[in-house]
Amino acid sequence: VFLQTILIGDSGVGKTSLLVQFDQGKFIPGSFSATVGIGFTVCIWDTAGQERFGSVTHAYYRDAHALLLLYDITSKTSFDNIRAWLTEIHEYAQSNVVIMLLGNKADMSSDRAIRRDEGERLAKEYSVPFMETSAKTGVNVELTFTAVAKELKHRAVQYPNEPKFQIHEYIEAQKGKSGCCSYF
């Protein structure tokens, strides 16, 4: 089964860096000019960000099993645009698509423009899981992809006696175990 995950959000929020951190376990500063069109790595699509409201993206939404929607915690504009992204997702994506909201660049807390509770409140409003991540330090990057993979697996293979997987609960439990995220 081919499961497609797409990273979306405004240009410059760190989609490519998040993907590289997950794929290679490292941060490569300043090495990415804007992704042109759609980049492809490890069955995860990385969109350029500029194509919001473009017909190219709509086709990818339809085939997506999971969408990671990123904003930059230091950019009010990227956060304000999240509602527009979500509107587009709800219009074009499958109704059962897994959506996760990510406030990226959590390592830049001194330049923070969006408080964590603002991200949490928006995620709650749309009933989607939320985490703050850092493509630079790797905080919550692996957890993001693991949680999405587990959610997709449990949706694809549901065993009758197994309790339903709860992505929100899984994320909270994992964050509690690692102790890495308490400062967010």
N, C-alpha and C. Protein backbone atom coordinates (compact mmCIF):
# COMPACT_ATOMS: atom_id res chain seq x y z
N VAL A 1 0.85 -1.18 0.00
CA VAL A 1 0.00 0.00 0.00
C VAL A 1 0.89 1.24 0.00
N PHE A 2 0.64 2.13 -0.93
CA PHE A 2 1.40 3.37 -1.02
C PHE A 2 0.62 4.46 -0.30
N LEU A 3 1.18 5.00 0.76
CA LEU A 3 0.52 6.05 1.52
C LEU A 3 1.28 7.35 1.31
N GLN A 4 0.57 8.36 0.89
CA GLN A 4 1.19 9.62 0.53
C GLN A 4 0.98 10.66 1.62
N THR A 5 2.08 11.24 2.08
CA THR A 5 2.05 12.33 3.05
C THR A 5 2.61 13.57 2.38
N ILE A 6 1.92 14.69 2.54
CA ILE A 6 2.34 15.94 1.91
C ILE A 6 2.58 17.00 2.98
N LEU A 7 3.70 17.71 2.85
CA LEU A 7 4.00 18.84 3.72
C LEU A 7 3.53 20.10 3.02
N ILE A 8 2.69 20.88 3.70
CA ILE A 8 2.18 22.10 3.10
C ILE A 8 2.30 23.26 4.08
N GLY A 9 2.24 24.45 3.55
CA GLY A 9 2.35 25.67 4.33
C GLY A 9 3.04 26.72 3.49
N ASP A 10 3.04 27.94 3.99
CA ASP A 10 3.64 29.04 3.25
C ASP A 10 5.12 28.77 2.96
N SER A 11 5.63 29.45 1.96
CA SER A 11 7.04 29.38 1.61
C SER A 11 7.88 29.88 2.80
N GLY A 12 8.95 29.17 3.11
CA GLY A 12 9.87 29.61 4.16
C GLY A 12 9.56 29.14 5.56
N VAL A 13 8.53 28.29 5.72
CA VAL A 13 8.18 27.83 7.08
C VAL A 13 9.04 26.66 7.54
N GLY A 14 9.80 26.06 6.61
CA GLY A 14 10.71 24.98 6.99
C GLY A 14 10.27 23.59 6.57
N LYS A 15 9.44 23.49 5.54
CA LYS A 15 8.96 22.19 5.10
C LYS A 15 10.11 21.29 4.64
N THR A 16 10.96 21.80 3.78
CA THR A 16 12.07 21.01 3.25
C THR A 16 13.04 20.66 4.38
N SER A 17 13.33 21.61 5.24
CA SER A 17 14.25 21.35 6.36
C SER A 17 13.70 20.29 7.30
N LEU A 18 12.38 20.32 7.54
CA LEU A 18 11.76 19.32 8.40
C LEU A 18 11.89 17.94 7.77
N LEU A 19 11.67 17.87 6.47
CA LEU A 19 11.78 16.60 5.76
C LEU A 19 13.22 16.08 5.77
N VAL A 20 14.18 16.95 5.55
CA VAL A 20 15.59 16.54 5.57
C VAL A 20 15.99 16.09 6.97
N GLN A 21 15.52 16.79 8.00
CA GLN A 21 15.82 16.40 9.38
C GLN A 21 15.28 15.00 9.65
N PHE A 22 14.07 14.73 9.18
CA PHE A 22 13.48 13.40 9.39
C PHE A 22 14.22 12.34 8.58
N ASP A 23 14.50 12.64 7.32
CA ASP A 23 15.08 11.67 6.40
C ASP A 23 16.56 11.41 6.70
N GLN A 24 17.32 12.47 6.99
CA GLN A 24 18.76 12.35 7.16
C GLN A 24 19.26 12.59 8.57
N GLY A 25 18.35 13.08 9.43
CA GLY A 25 18.73 13.33 10.82
C GLY A 25 19.67 14.51 10.99
N LYS A 26 19.58 15.46 10.06
CA LYS A 26 20.45 16.63 10.19
C LYS A 26 19.77 17.87 9.63
N PHE A 27 20.30 19.00 10.05
CA PHE A 27 19.81 20.30 9.59
C PHE A 27 20.89 20.90 8.71
N ILE A 28 20.51 21.35 7.53
CA ILE A 28 21.47 21.94 6.61
C ILE A 28 21.06 23.39 6.39
N PRO A 29 21.67 24.32 7.13
CA PRO A 29 21.23 25.72 7.05
C PRO A 29 21.47 26.35 5.69
N GLY A 30 20.44 27.07 5.23
CA GLY A 30 20.59 27.86 4.01
C GLY A 30 20.86 27.08 2.75
N SER A 31 20.62 25.78 2.78
CA SER A 31 20.98 24.99 1.60
C SER A 31 19.83 24.86 0.61
N PHE A 32 18.67 25.40 0.95
CA PHE A 32 17.52 25.21 0.08
C PHE A 32 17.04 26.53 -0.48
N SER A 33 17.05 26.63 -1.80
CA SER A 33 16.29 27.72 -2.39
C SER A 33 14.86 27.20 -2.39
N ALA A 34 13.92 28.02 -2.71
CA ALA A 34 12.52 27.58 -2.68
C ALA A 34 12.37 26.31 -3.50
N THR A 35 11.68 25.33 -2.93
CA THR A 35 11.42 24.09 -3.66
C THR A 35 10.60 24.45 -4.89
N VAL A 36 11.01 23.95 -6.03
CA VAL A 36 10.28 24.23 -7.26
C VAL A 36 9.28 23.11 -7.47
N GLY A 37 8.01 23.47 -7.46
CA GLY A 37 6.96 22.47 -7.65
C GLY A 37 6.89 21.54 -6.46
N ILE A 38 7.05 20.26 -6.69
CA ILE A 38 6.91 19.25 -5.66
C ILE A 38 8.20 18.44 -5.61
N GLY A 39 8.83 18.38 -4.44
CA GLY A 39 10.01 17.54 -4.28
C GLY A 39 9.57 16.21 -3.70
N PHE A 40 10.31 15.15 -3.93
CA PHE A 40 9.88 13.84 -3.47
C PHE A 40 11.00 13.13 -2.74
N THR A 41 10.73 12.71 -1.53
CA THR A 41 11.67 11.93 -0.74
C THR A 41 10.87 10.98 0.15
N VAL A 42 11.36 9.79 0.34
CA VAL A 42 10.78 8.78 1.22
C VAL A 42 9.25 8.77 1.27
N CYS A 43 8.62 8.75 0.11
CA CYS A 43 7.16 8.69 -0.02
C CYS A 43 6.46 9.85 0.67
N ILE A 44 7.18 10.95 0.84
CA ILE A 44 6.61 12.15 1.44
C ILE A 44 6.81 13.28 0.45
N TRP A 45 5.74 13.97 0.13
CA TRP A 45 5.81 15.07 -0.84
C TRP A 45 6.04 16.37 -0.11
N ASP A 46 6.95 17.15 -0.64
CA ASP A 46 7.29 18.46 -0.08
C ASP A 46 6.86 19.52 -1.08
N THR A 47 5.86 20.32 -0.73
CA THR A 47 5.38 21.34 -1.66
C THR A 47 6.14 22.63 -1.49
N ALA A 48 6.07 23.47 -2.51
CA ALA A 48 6.86 24.70 -2.52
C ALA A 48 6.28 25.81 -1.66
N GLY A 49 4.97 25.80 -1.43
CA GLY A 49 4.37 26.83 -0.60
C GLY A 49 3.77 27.97 -1.39
N GLN A 50 4.36 28.30 -2.52
CA GLN A 50 3.84 29.42 -3.30
C GLN A 50 2.58 29.02 -4.07
N GLU A 51 2.33 27.73 -4.21
CA GLU A 51 1.26 27.30 -5.08
C GLU A 51 -0.10 27.22 -4.39
N ARG A 52 -0.21 27.83 -3.22
CA ARG A 52 -1.49 27.81 -2.53
C ARG A 52 -2.57 28.34 -3.47
N PHE A 53 -3.72 27.70 -3.44
CA PHE A 53 -4.86 28.02 -4.30
C PHE A 53 -4.58 27.74 -5.77
N GLY A 54 -3.53 26.99 -6.07
CA GLY A 54 -3.23 26.65 -7.46
C GLY A 54 -3.76 25.28 -7.81
N SER A 55 -4.11 25.07 -9.07
CA SER A 55 -4.71 23.80 -9.49
C SER A 55 -3.73 22.63 -9.36
N VAL A 56 -2.43 22.91 -9.41
CA VAL A 56 -1.44 21.83 -9.26
C VAL A 56 -1.62 21.13 -7.92
N THR A 57 -1.78 21.92 -6.87
CA THR A 57 -1.87 21.37 -5.52
C THR A 57 -3.14 20.58 -5.32
N HIS A 58 -4.23 20.99 -5.94
CA HIS A 58 -5.51 20.34 -5.71
C HIS A 58 -5.47 18.85 -6.04
N ALA A 59 -4.76 18.49 -7.08
CA ALA A 59 -4.64 17.08 -7.45
C ALA A 59 -3.88 16.30 -6.37
N TYR A 60 -2.87 16.92 -5.79
CA TYR A 60 -2.10 16.24 -4.74
C TYR A 60 -2.93 16.08 -3.47
N TYR A 61 -3.75 17.07 -3.16
CA TYR A 61 -4.64 16.95 -1.99
C TYR A 61 -5.53 15.72 -2.11
N ARG A 62 -6.09 15.51 -3.30
CA ARG A 62 -7.04 14.40 -3.50
C ARG A 62 -6.41 13.05 -3.20
N ASP A 63 -5.13 12.91 -3.52
CA ASP A 63 -4.46 11.62 -3.33
C ASP A 63 -3.77 11.48 -1.98
N ALA A 64 -3.74 12.54 -1.21
CA ALA A 64 -3.00 12.52 0.06
C ALA A 64 -3.72 11.70 1.12
N HIS A 65 -2.94 10.94 1.86
CA HIS A 65 -3.46 10.23 3.03
C HIS A 65 -3.21 11.03 4.30
N ALA A 66 -2.15 11.85 4.27
CA ALA A 66 -1.82 12.69 5.43
C ALA A 66 -1.26 14.02 4.94
N LEU A 67 -1.61 15.07 5.67
CA LEU A 67 -1.13 16.41 5.36
C LEU A 67 -0.51 17.01 6.62
N LEU A 68 0.75 17.38 6.52
CA LEU A 68 1.42 18.08 7.61
C LEU A 68 1.40 19.56 7.25
N LEU A 69 0.66 20.34 8.02
CA LEU A 69 0.45 21.75 7.74
C LEU A 69 1.34 22.56 8.67
N LEU A 70 2.32 23.26 8.10
CA LEU A 70 3.32 23.97 8.89
C LEU A 70 3.14 25.48 8.84
N TYR A 71 3.42 26.10 9.99
CA TYR A 71 3.62 27.54 10.03
C TYR A 71 4.90 27.78 10.81
N ASP A 72 5.43 28.98 10.67
CA ASP A 72 6.67 29.38 11.33
C ASP A 72 6.27 30.17 12.58
N ILE A 73 6.71 29.74 13.76
CA ILE A 73 6.31 30.42 15.00
C ILE A 73 6.81 31.86 15.08
N THR A 74 7.74 32.23 14.20
CA THR A 74 8.25 33.60 14.19
C THR A 74 7.55 34.46 13.14
N SER A 75 6.57 33.88 12.44
CA SER A 75 5.89 34.59 11.34
C SER A 75 4.38 34.60 11.54
N LYS A 76 3.86 35.76 11.92
CA LYS A 76 2.41 35.89 12.09
C LYS A 76 1.68 35.62 10.79
N THR A 77 2.24 36.07 9.68
CA THR A 77 1.61 35.86 8.37
C THR A 77 1.41 34.38 8.08
N SER A 78 2.45 33.56 8.32
CA SER A 78 2.33 32.13 8.02
C SER A 78 1.28 31.47 8.91
N PHE A 79 1.13 31.97 10.14
CA PHE A 79 0.10 31.45 11.04
C PHE A 79 -1.29 31.91 10.58
N ASP A 80 -1.40 33.18 10.23
CA ASP A 80 -2.69 33.72 9.77
C ASP A 80 -3.18 33.01 8.51
N ASN A 81 -2.27 32.51 7.70
CA ASN A 81 -2.65 31.82 6.47
C ASN A 81 -3.10 30.37 6.70
N ILE A 82 -2.94 29.86 7.91
CA ILE A 82 -3.32 28.48 8.20
C ILE A 82 -4.80 28.24 7.92
N ARG A 83 -5.66 29.19 8.30
CA ARG A 83 -7.10 29.01 8.04
C ARG A 83 -7.38 28.85 6.55
N ALA A 84 -6.68 29.61 5.72
CA ALA A 84 -6.86 29.49 4.27
C ALA A 84 -6.40 28.12 3.79
N TRP A 85 -5.27 27.66 4.31
CA TRP A 85 -4.79 26.32 3.95
C TRP A 85 -5.82 25.27 4.36
N LEU A 86 -6.36 25.39 5.57
CA LEU A 86 -7.33 24.41 6.06
C LEU A 86 -8.61 24.44 5.24
N THR A 87 -9.04 25.62 4.82
CA THR A 87 -10.22 25.74 3.97
C THR A 87 -9.99 24.99 2.66
N GLU A 88 -8.80 25.17 2.10
CA GLU A 88 -8.47 24.50 0.85
C GLU A 88 -8.38 22.98 1.05
N ILE A 89 -7.79 22.56 2.15
CA ILE A 89 -7.70 21.13 2.47
C ILE A 89 -9.10 20.52 2.55
N HIS A 90 -9.99 21.19 3.28
CA HIS A 90 -11.34 20.65 3.44
C HIS A 90 -12.11 20.63 2.13
N GLU A 91 -11.75 21.52 1.21
CA GLU A 91 -12.42 21.56 -0.08
C GLU A 91 -11.91 20.48 -1.03
N TYR A 92 -10.61 20.20 -1.01
CA TYR A 92 -10.02 19.33 -2.02
C TYR A 92 -9.54 17.97 -1.53
N ALA A 93 -9.22 17.84 -0.27
CA ALA A 93 -8.67 16.57 0.22
C ALA A 93 -9.79 15.58 0.56
N GLN A 94 -9.41 14.31 0.69
CA GLN A 94 -10.37 13.29 1.12
C GLN A 94 -10.85 13.63 2.52
N SER A 95 -12.08 13.27 2.82
CA SER A 95 -12.66 13.62 4.12
C SER A 95 -11.94 12.93 5.29
N ASN A 96 -11.31 11.79 5.02
CA ASN A 96 -10.63 11.06 6.10
C ASN A 96 -9.12 11.30 6.14
N VAL A 97 -8.64 12.34 5.46
CA VAL A 97 -7.20 12.62 5.44
C VAL A 97 -6.72 12.94 6.87
N VAL A 98 -5.54 12.47 7.21
CA VAL A 98 -4.93 12.79 8.50
C VAL A 98 -4.28 14.16 8.36
N ILE A 99 -4.65 15.09 9.23
CA ILE A 99 -4.07 16.43 9.21
C ILE A 99 -3.38 16.67 10.54
N MET A 100 -2.17 17.21 10.49
CA MET A 100 -1.48 17.60 11.71
C MET A 100 -0.96 19.02 11.53
N LEU A 101 -1.20 19.86 12.52
CA LEU A 101 -0.72 21.24 12.50
C LEU A 101 0.60 21.31 13.24
N LEU A 102 1.60 21.91 12.60
CA LEU A 102 2.93 22.01 13.19
C LEU A 102 3.41 23.45 13.22
N GLY A 103 3.77 23.92 14.41
CA GLY A 103 4.42 25.22 14.56
C GLY A 103 5.92 24.97 14.51
N ASN A 104 6.54 25.25 13.38
CA ASN A 104 7.96 24.95 13.20
C ASN A 104 8.84 26.11 13.65
N LYS A 105 10.13 25.82 13.78
CA LYS A 105 11.17 26.76 14.22
C LYS A 105 11.06 27.05 15.72
N ALA A 106 10.65 26.03 16.48
CA ALA A 106 10.49 26.18 17.93
C ALA A 106 11.81 26.51 18.63
N ASP A 107 12.93 26.29 17.96
CA ASP A 107 14.23 26.65 18.53
C ASP A 107 14.43 28.17 18.54
N MET A 108 13.59 28.91 17.85
CA MET A 108 13.74 30.37 17.75
C MET A 108 12.75 31.09 18.67
N SER A 109 12.63 30.59 19.90
CA SER A 109 11.62 31.11 20.82
C SER A 109 11.82 32.59 21.15
N SER A 110 13.04 33.10 21.06
CA SER A 110 13.27 34.52 21.36
C SER A 110 12.66 35.43 20.29
N ASP A 111 12.42 34.87 19.09
CA ASP A 111 11.81 35.63 18.00
C ASP A 111 10.34 35.25 17.80
N ARG A 112 9.80 34.53 18.75
CA ARG A 112 8.44 34.00 18.65
C ARG A 112 7.41 35.12 18.41
N ALA A 113 6.54 34.90 17.41
CA ALA A 113 5.43 35.82 17.13
C ALA A 113 4.10 35.16 17.47
N ILE A 114 4.09 33.82 17.51
CA ILE A 114 2.88 33.05 17.79
C ILE A 114 3.12 32.20 19.03
N ARG A 115 2.31 32.43 20.05
CA ARG A 115 2.41 31.64 21.29
C ARG A 115 1.94 30.21 21.05
N ARG A 116 2.49 29.30 21.82
CA ARG A 116 2.10 27.88 21.71
C ARG A 116 0.59 27.71 21.89
N ASP A 117 0.01 28.42 22.84
CA ASP A 117 -1.42 28.23 23.10
C ASP A 117 -2.28 28.71 21.92
N GLU A 118 -1.77 29.64 21.10
CA GLU A 118 -2.50 30.07 19.91
C GLU A 118 -2.56 28.92 18.89
N GLY A 119 -1.44 28.22 18.75
CA GLY A 119 -1.41 27.05 17.86
C GLY A 119 -2.32 25.95 18.38
N GLU A 120 -2.27 25.72 19.69
CA GLU A 120 -3.12 24.69 20.29
C GLU A 120 -4.59 25.02 20.10
N ARG A 121 -4.93 26.29 20.29
CA ARG A 121 -6.34 26.71 20.16
C ARG A 121 -6.83 26.52 18.72
N LEU A 122 -6.01 26.89 17.74
CA LEU A 122 -6.40 26.73 16.34
C LEU A 122 -6.56 25.24 16.00
N ALA A 123 -5.64 24.42 16.46
CA ALA A 123 -5.72 22.98 16.21
C ALA A 123 -6.98 22.39 16.83
N LYS A 124 -7.30 22.84 18.02
CA LYS A 124 -8.50 22.34 18.70
C LYS A 124 -9.75 22.75 17.92
N GLU A 125 -9.76 23.97 17.42
CA GLU A 125 -10.90 24.47 16.64
C GLU A 125 -11.16 23.59 15.42
N TYR A 126 -10.11 23.09 14.80
CA TYR A 126 -10.24 22.25 13.61
C TYR A 126 -10.12 20.76 13.94
N SER A 127 -10.02 20.42 15.21
CA SER A 127 -9.93 19.03 15.67
C SER A 127 -8.77 18.27 15.02
N VAL A 128 -7.61 18.92 15.00
CA VAL A 128 -6.42 18.27 14.47
C VAL A 128 -5.33 18.28 15.54
N PRO A 129 -4.45 17.27 15.54
CA PRO A 129 -3.35 17.27 16.49
C PRO A 129 -2.37 18.40 16.20
N PHE A 130 -1.66 18.84 17.23
CA PHE A 130 -0.74 19.96 17.11
C PHE A 130 0.56 19.66 17.85
N MET A 131 1.65 20.10 17.27
CA MET A 131 2.95 20.06 17.94
C MET A 131 3.79 21.22 17.46
N GLU A 132 4.69 21.64 18.32
CA GLU A 132 5.73 22.55 17.86
C GLU A 132 6.95 21.70 17.56
N THR A 133 7.59 22.02 16.44
CA THR A 133 8.74 21.26 15.97
C THR A 133 9.91 22.19 15.71
N SER A 134 11.08 21.58 15.60
CA SER A 134 12.25 22.33 15.17
C SER A 134 13.02 21.47 14.18
N ALA A 135 13.01 21.90 12.93
CA ALA A 135 13.80 21.19 11.92
C ALA A 135 15.28 21.32 12.23
N LYS A 136 15.65 22.39 12.93
CA LYS A 136 17.06 22.63 13.24
C LYS A 136 17.57 21.67 14.32
N THR A 137 16.83 21.57 15.44
CA THR A 137 17.29 20.72 16.55
C THR A 137 16.73 19.31 16.49
N GLY A 138 15.69 19.12 15.68
CA GLY A 138 15.06 17.80 15.57
C GLY A 138 13.93 17.57 16.57
N VAL A 139 13.64 18.54 17.41
CA VAL A 139 12.60 18.37 18.43
C VAL A 139 11.26 18.05 17.77
N ASN A 140 10.68 16.94 18.17
CA ASN A 140 9.36 16.46 17.73
C ASN A 140 9.26 16.10 16.25
N VAL A 141 10.38 16.09 15.53
CA VAL A 141 10.32 15.76 14.10
C VAL A 141 10.00 14.29 13.91
N GLU A 142 10.76 13.41 14.54
CA GLU A 142 10.49 11.98 14.41
C GLU A 142 9.12 11.64 14.97
N LEU A 143 8.75 12.24 16.09
CA LEU A 143 7.44 12.00 16.68
C LEU A 143 6.32 12.36 15.71
N THR A 144 6.47 13.45 14.99
CA THR A 144 5.47 13.87 14.01
C THR A 144 5.22 12.76 12.99
N PHE A 145 6.29 12.29 12.37
CA PHE A 145 6.14 11.30 11.31
C PHE A 145 5.71 9.94 11.87
N THR A 146 6.18 9.59 13.06
CA THR A 146 5.79 8.33 13.69
C THR A 146 4.31 8.34 14.02
N ALA A 147 3.82 9.44 14.58
CA ALA A 147 2.40 9.54 14.94
C ALA A 147 1.52 9.42 13.71
N VAL A 148 1.90 10.10 12.64
CA VAL A 148 1.13 10.03 11.40
C VAL A 148 1.16 8.61 10.83
N ALA A 149 2.33 7.99 10.82
CA ALA A 149 2.46 6.63 10.30
C ALA A 149 1.60 5.66 11.10
N LYS A 150 1.62 5.80 12.44
CA LYS A 150 0.81 4.92 13.28
C LYS A 150 -0.68 5.14 13.02
N GLU A 151 -1.09 6.39 12.88
CA GLU A 151 -2.50 6.69 12.58
C GLU A 151 -2.91 6.05 11.26
N LEU A 152 -2.08 6.21 10.22
CA LEU A 152 -2.39 5.63 8.92
C LEU A 152 -2.44 4.11 8.97
N LYS A 153 -1.51 3.51 9.71
CA LYS A 153 -1.48 2.05 9.85
C LYS A 153 -2.75 1.55 10.52
N HIS A 154 -3.15 2.22 11.59
CA HIS A 154 -4.33 1.77 12.32
C HIS A 154 -5.61 1.98 11.51
N ARG A 155 -5.61 2.97 10.65
CA ARG A 155 -6.77 3.16 9.78
C ARG A 155 -6.83 2.08 8.71
N ALA A 156 -5.66 1.65 8.22
CA ALA A 156 -5.60 0.66 7.15
C ALA A 156 -5.87 -0.75 7.68
N VAL A 157 -5.39 -1.04 8.88
CA VAL A 157 -5.52 -2.38 9.46
C VAL A 157 -6.15 -2.26 10.83
N GLN A 158 -7.44 -2.42 10.89
CA GLN A 158 -8.16 -2.30 12.17
C GLN A 158 -8.48 -3.70 12.68
N TYR A 159 -7.89 -4.06 13.81
CA TYR A 159 -8.17 -5.35 14.40
C TYR A 159 -9.35 -5.22 15.36
N PRO A 160 -10.26 -6.20 15.35
CA PRO A 160 -11.49 -6.08 16.13
C PRO A 160 -11.28 -5.89 17.63
N ASN A 161 -10.31 -6.55 18.22
CA ASN A 161 -10.12 -6.47 19.68
C ASN A 161 -9.13 -5.40 20.11
N GLU A 162 -8.57 -4.71 19.14
CA GLU A 162 -7.57 -3.69 19.44
C GLU A 162 -8.27 -2.34 19.61
N PRO A 163 -7.93 -1.59 20.67
CA PRO A 163 -8.56 -0.28 20.83
C PRO A 163 -8.16 0.65 19.69
N LYS A 164 -9.05 1.56 19.36
CA LYS A 164 -8.79 2.51 18.28
C LYS A 164 -7.59 3.38 18.66
N PHE A 165 -6.69 3.57 17.72
CA PHE A 165 -5.52 4.41 17.93
C PHE A 165 -5.97 5.87 18.05
N GLN A 166 -5.48 6.56 19.06
CA GLN A 166 -5.81 7.97 19.27
C GLN A 166 -4.54 8.79 19.09
N ILE A 167 -4.42 9.46 17.95
CA ILE A 167 -3.20 10.20 17.63
C ILE A 167 -2.91 11.28 18.67
N HIS A 168 -3.93 11.99 19.15
CA HIS A 168 -3.72 13.04 20.16
C HIS A 168 -3.10 12.45 21.43
N GLU A 169 -3.67 11.32 21.89
CA GLU A 169 -3.18 10.67 23.11
C GLU A 169 -1.76 10.15 22.92
N TYR A 170 -1.48 9.58 21.75
CA TYR A 170 -0.14 9.06 21.47
C TYR A 170 0.90 10.17 21.54
N ILE A 171 0.59 11.30 20.92
CA ILE A 171 1.52 12.43 20.91
C ILE A 171 1.80 12.91 22.33
N GLU A 172 0.75 13.09 23.11
CA GLU A 172 0.92 13.56 24.49
C GLU A 172 1.73 12.57 25.32
N ALA A 173 1.45 11.28 25.16
CA ALA A 173 2.19 10.25 25.91
C ALA A 173 3.66 10.25 25.53
N GLN A 174 3.96 10.37 24.24
CA GLN A 174 5.35 10.36 23.79
C GLN A 174 6.09 11.60 24.24
N LYS A 175 5.43 12.76 24.18
CA LYS A 175 6.08 13.99 24.64
C LYS A 175 6.38 13.88 26.12
N GLY A 176 5.47 13.27 26.88
CA GLY A 176 5.69 13.10 28.31
C GLY A 176 6.86 12.19 28.61
N LYS A 177 7.03 11.13 27.81
CA LYS A 177 8.12 10.17 28.02
C LYS A 177 9.48 10.77 27.77
N SER A 178 9.58 11.55 26.69
CA SER A 178 10.90 12.02 26.27
C SER A 178 11.41 13.16 27.14
N GLY A 179 10.48 13.93 27.69
CA GLY A 179 10.89 15.09 28.49
C GLY A 179 11.54 16.18 27.68
N CYS A 180 11.50 16.02 26.35
CA CYS A 180 12.21 16.96 25.49
C CYS A 180 11.43 18.23 25.22
N CYS A 181 10.15 18.18 25.47
CA CYS A 181 9.30 19.23 24.91
C CYS A 181 8.67 20.10 25.96
N SER A 182 9.02 19.93 27.20
CA SER A 182 8.33 20.64 28.26
C SER A 182 8.57 22.14 28.21
N TYR A 183 9.62 22.59 27.52
CA TYR A 183 9.88 24.02 27.49
C TYR A 183 9.11 24.74 26.39
N PHE A 184 8.28 24.03 25.64
CA PHE A 184 7.50 24.68 24.58
C PHE A 184 6.17 25.14 25.13
